Protein backbone atom coordinates (compact mmCIF):
# COMPACT_ATOMS: atom_id res chain seq x y z
CA MET A 1 100.99 64.20 12.13
CA GLN A 2 97.26 64.11 11.47
CA LEU A 3 95.46 61.03 10.14
CA GLY A 4 91.83 60.25 9.48
CA MET A 5 90.66 56.69 10.17
CA ILE A 6 87.54 55.08 8.72
CA GLY A 7 86.85 51.61 10.06
CA LEU A 8 86.93 51.29 13.84
CA GLY A 9 86.81 47.57 14.37
CA ARG A 10 89.31 46.12 16.81
CA MET A 11 92.35 46.62 14.57
CA GLY A 12 91.34 50.07 13.38
CA SER A 13 90.55 51.15 16.92
CA TYR A 14 93.83 49.82 18.30
CA MET A 15 95.80 51.47 15.50
CA VAL A 16 94.22 54.81 16.39
CA GLN A 17 95.10 54.27 20.05
CA ARG A 18 98.71 53.47 19.14
CA LEU A 19 98.93 56.62 17.02
CA LEU A 20 97.40 58.76 19.78
CA LYS A 21 99.97 57.40 22.25
CA ALA A 22 102.71 58.42 19.82
CA GLY A 23 101.38 61.99 19.74
CA HIS A 24 99.55 61.98 16.41
CA GLU A 25 96.19 63.65 15.89
CA CYS A 26 93.44 61.29 14.74
CA VAL A 27 90.06 62.14 13.25
CA VAL A 28 87.73 59.14 13.25
CA TYR A 29 84.51 58.18 11.50
CA ALA A 30 82.16 55.22 11.87
CA ARG A 31 78.57 54.79 10.82
CA HIS A 32 77.73 53.87 14.41
CA PRO A 33 78.69 56.69 16.83
CA GLN A 34 79.18 54.18 19.66
CA ALA A 35 82.30 52.87 17.88
CA MET A 36 83.91 56.32 18.25
CA LYS A 37 83.08 56.81 21.92
CA GLU A 38 86.11 55.08 23.49
CA LEU A 39 88.52 56.70 21.04
CA VAL A 40 87.09 60.17 21.66
CA ALA A 41 87.67 59.61 25.38
CA LYS A 42 91.31 58.89 24.54
CA GLY A 43 91.73 62.06 22.47
CA ALA A 44 90.50 61.28 18.95
CA LYS A 45 88.27 63.79 17.14
CA PRO A 46 84.86 62.40 16.12
CA SER A 47 82.95 63.22 12.95
CA SER A 48 79.24 63.00 12.23
CA SER A 49 79.43 62.19 8.50
CA VAL A 50 81.95 61.56 5.74
CA ALA A 51 81.69 65.23 4.75
CA ASP A 52 82.27 66.35 8.35
CA PHE A 53 85.20 63.91 8.54
CA ALA A 54 86.83 65.52 5.49
CA LYS A 55 86.27 69.04 6.86
CA LYS A 56 88.11 68.18 10.08
CA LEU A 57 91.22 67.00 8.24
CA SER A 58 93.95 69.45 7.26
CA LYS A 59 94.88 69.59 3.58
CA PRO A 60 96.40 67.63 2.03
CA ARG A 61 94.35 65.02 3.86
CA ALA A 62 95.58 61.54 4.77
CA VAL A 63 92.79 58.98 5.18
CA TRP A 64 93.34 55.39 6.29
CA LEU A 65 90.64 52.82 5.46
CA MET A 66 90.57 49.86 7.82
CA VAL A 67 87.50 48.13 6.42
CA PRO A 68 86.89 44.67 4.89
CA ALA A 69 88.14 44.32 1.31
CA ALA A 70 84.57 43.91 0.05
CA SER A 71 83.62 47.32 1.51
CA VAL A 72 86.50 49.43 0.15
CA ASP A 73 84.83 50.42 -3.12
CA SER A 74 81.58 51.48 -1.44
CA VAL A 75 83.51 53.52 1.14
CA LEU A 76 85.50 55.17 -1.66
CA ASP A 77 82.25 55.98 -3.48
CA SER A 78 81.16 58.11 -0.53
CA LEU A 79 84.62 59.41 0.39
CA THR A 80 86.07 60.45 -2.98
CA PRO A 81 83.53 63.25 -3.65
CA VAL A 82 84.64 65.07 -0.47
CA LEU A 83 88.38 64.71 -1.17
CA GLU A 84 90.53 67.01 -3.30
CA PRO A 85 93.64 66.70 -5.49
CA GLY A 86 96.70 66.05 -3.33
CA ASP A 87 94.81 64.07 -0.71
CA ILE A 88 95.93 60.52 0.15
CA VAL A 89 93.89 57.36 0.69
CA ILE A 90 95.55 54.38 2.41
CA ASP A 91 93.89 50.97 2.22
CA GLY A 92 95.10 49.01 5.23
CA GLY A 93 92.99 45.92 4.58
CA ASN A 94 93.55 42.71 2.66
CA SER A 95 92.45 43.86 -0.79
CA TYR A 96 93.41 41.82 -3.85
CA TYR A 97 96.30 43.63 -5.51
CA HIS A 98 94.51 43.91 -8.85
CA ASP A 99 91.81 45.91 -7.04
CA ASP A 100 94.53 48.13 -5.56
CA ILE A 101 95.96 48.82 -9.02
CA ARG A 102 92.51 49.66 -10.36
CA ARG A 103 91.70 51.97 -7.45
CA ALA A 104 95.07 53.70 -7.70
CA GLY A 105 94.38 54.45 -11.38
CA GLU A 106 90.85 55.68 -10.71
CA LEU A 107 91.98 58.00 -7.92
CA LYS A 108 95.02 59.20 -9.86
CA SER A 109 92.69 60.54 -12.53
CA LYS A 110 91.18 62.75 -9.81
CA GLY A 111 94.56 63.83 -8.48
CA ILE A 112 94.20 61.70 -5.33
CA HIS A 113 97.09 59.49 -4.22
CA TYR A 114 96.52 55.85 -3.24
CA VAL A 115 98.69 53.71 -0.98
CA ASP A 116 98.00 50.04 -0.36
CA CYS A 117 99.28 48.95 3.01
CA GLY A 118 98.44 45.40 4.04
CA THR A 119 98.45 45.44 7.83
CA SER A 120 99.03 42.51 10.17
CA GLY A 121 99.17 42.43 13.93
CA GLY A 122 95.65 41.70 15.14
CA VAL A 123 94.67 42.55 18.69
CA TRP A 124 98.33 42.40 19.80
CA GLY A 125 99.33 45.27 17.54
CA LEU A 126 98.37 47.94 20.06
CA GLU A 127 101.35 47.02 22.23
CA ARG A 128 103.61 45.10 19.82
CA GLY A 129 103.12 47.14 16.66
CA TYR A 130 101.97 46.18 13.16
CA CYS A 131 103.62 44.52 10.19
CA LEU A 132 103.12 46.88 7.23
CA MET A 133 103.40 45.93 3.55
CA ILE A 134 103.50 49.36 1.91
CA GLY A 135 103.02 50.08 -1.79
CA GLY A 136 102.76 53.53 -3.31
CA GLU A 137 104.54 56.53 -4.81
CA GLU A 138 107.86 57.16 -3.07
CA ALA A 139 107.19 60.81 -2.21
CA ILE A 140 103.78 59.97 -0.75
CA VAL A 141 105.06 57.02 1.28
CA ASN A 142 107.85 59.22 2.64
CA ARG A 143 105.32 61.88 3.61
CA LEU A 144 103.42 59.26 5.61
CA ASP A 145 106.58 57.90 7.25
CA PRO A 146 105.80 59.33 10.74
CA ILE A 147 102.55 57.31 10.72
CA PHE A 148 104.23 54.11 9.54
CA LYS A 149 107.06 54.53 12.03
CA SER A 150 104.59 54.85 14.94
CA LEU A 151 102.56 51.82 13.87
CA ALA A 152 105.52 49.50 13.19
CA PRO A 153 107.29 47.66 16.04
CA GLY A 154 110.81 48.92 15.32
CA ILE A 155 114.03 46.92 15.11
CA ALA A 156 114.20 46.43 18.89
CA ALA A 157 111.19 44.11 18.64
CA ALA A 158 113.27 41.46 16.82
CA ALA A 159 113.99 38.41 18.93
CA ARG A 160 117.61 37.84 20.01
CA THR A 161 119.39 34.81 18.60
CA PRO A 162 120.07 32.33 21.44
CA GLY A 163 123.75 32.21 22.45
CA ARG A 164 124.64 35.58 20.93
CA PRO A 165 124.90 38.24 23.64
CA ASP A 166 125.62 41.08 21.23
CA ALA A 167 122.14 42.60 20.67
CA ALA A 168 123.13 44.41 17.48
CA ALA A 169 124.61 41.25 15.94
CA SER A 170 121.72 39.06 17.04
CA LEU A 171 118.88 41.01 15.47
CA GLN A 172 117.21 38.89 12.82
CA PRO A 173 114.48 39.77 10.31
CA LEU A 174 111.05 39.43 11.86
CA LYS A 175 108.56 37.05 10.38
CA MET A 176 104.94 37.99 11.08
CA ALA A 177 101.84 36.33 9.74
CA THR A 178 102.84 34.75 6.42
CA CYS A 179 105.15 37.45 5.11
CA ALA A 180 108.83 38.12 5.76
CA VAL A 181 109.46 41.65 6.96
CA ALA A 182 112.76 43.47 6.68
CA SER A 183 113.96 46.22 8.99
CA THR A 184 114.31 49.58 7.27
CA GLY A 185 115.72 51.43 10.27
CA ARG A 186 112.54 53.52 10.44
CA GLY A 187 110.40 50.71 11.76
CA THR A 188 109.69 47.17 10.75
CA SER A 189 108.16 47.22 7.32
CA SER A 190 108.58 46.22 3.72
CA ARG A 191 108.24 48.90 1.07
CA TRP A 192 107.59 49.03 -2.63
CA PHE A 193 107.63 52.38 -4.37
CA THR A 194 105.54 52.36 -7.53
CA THR A 195 103.62 54.74 -9.72
CA ALA A 196 100.52 52.54 -9.76
CA SER A 197 100.41 51.03 -6.28
CA ASN A 198 101.29 47.37 -6.76
CA THR A 199 102.35 44.86 -4.13
CA ALA A 200 102.43 41.86 -6.46
């Protein structure tokens, strides 16, 4: 599957690398070209501007924002004009959920889908995978499932319970960061399907 990533700090960069390893196509954009250099060497497609970024993505586009919460609105201000109805924006940062609800409503009026996906895993996520707290419309979340599945650790990452040799019986829910995460069988994630993206 193809995904566009804006925000190539350590987590964003490692997420792109994990997706590339899983066989996905990634188009990347950063204001500083140097941030794209390592990822391009690993197979990502660079872009020279937000408009160029949008042109390189197949429609309907899927764009993941991995930027600080305070920067999401300004990034959307430059991104939204080059998107079209049917496209998807995923906010993978730590936005306040009221902001997510507002953004989902604003983008819905333009025919653009919004998914809030709080992401935890830090610098270890490249190898271990990421805890994903996913909120969005069911059909859109399902469309993105190959991306979520590749980013999440999977049920095999759950620690075995001491004294229980049966691996299947010993798998316990993972607890990462400050949120409990339940196994869905598709990867390790928690999901909420809503019409106005809400992870409250």
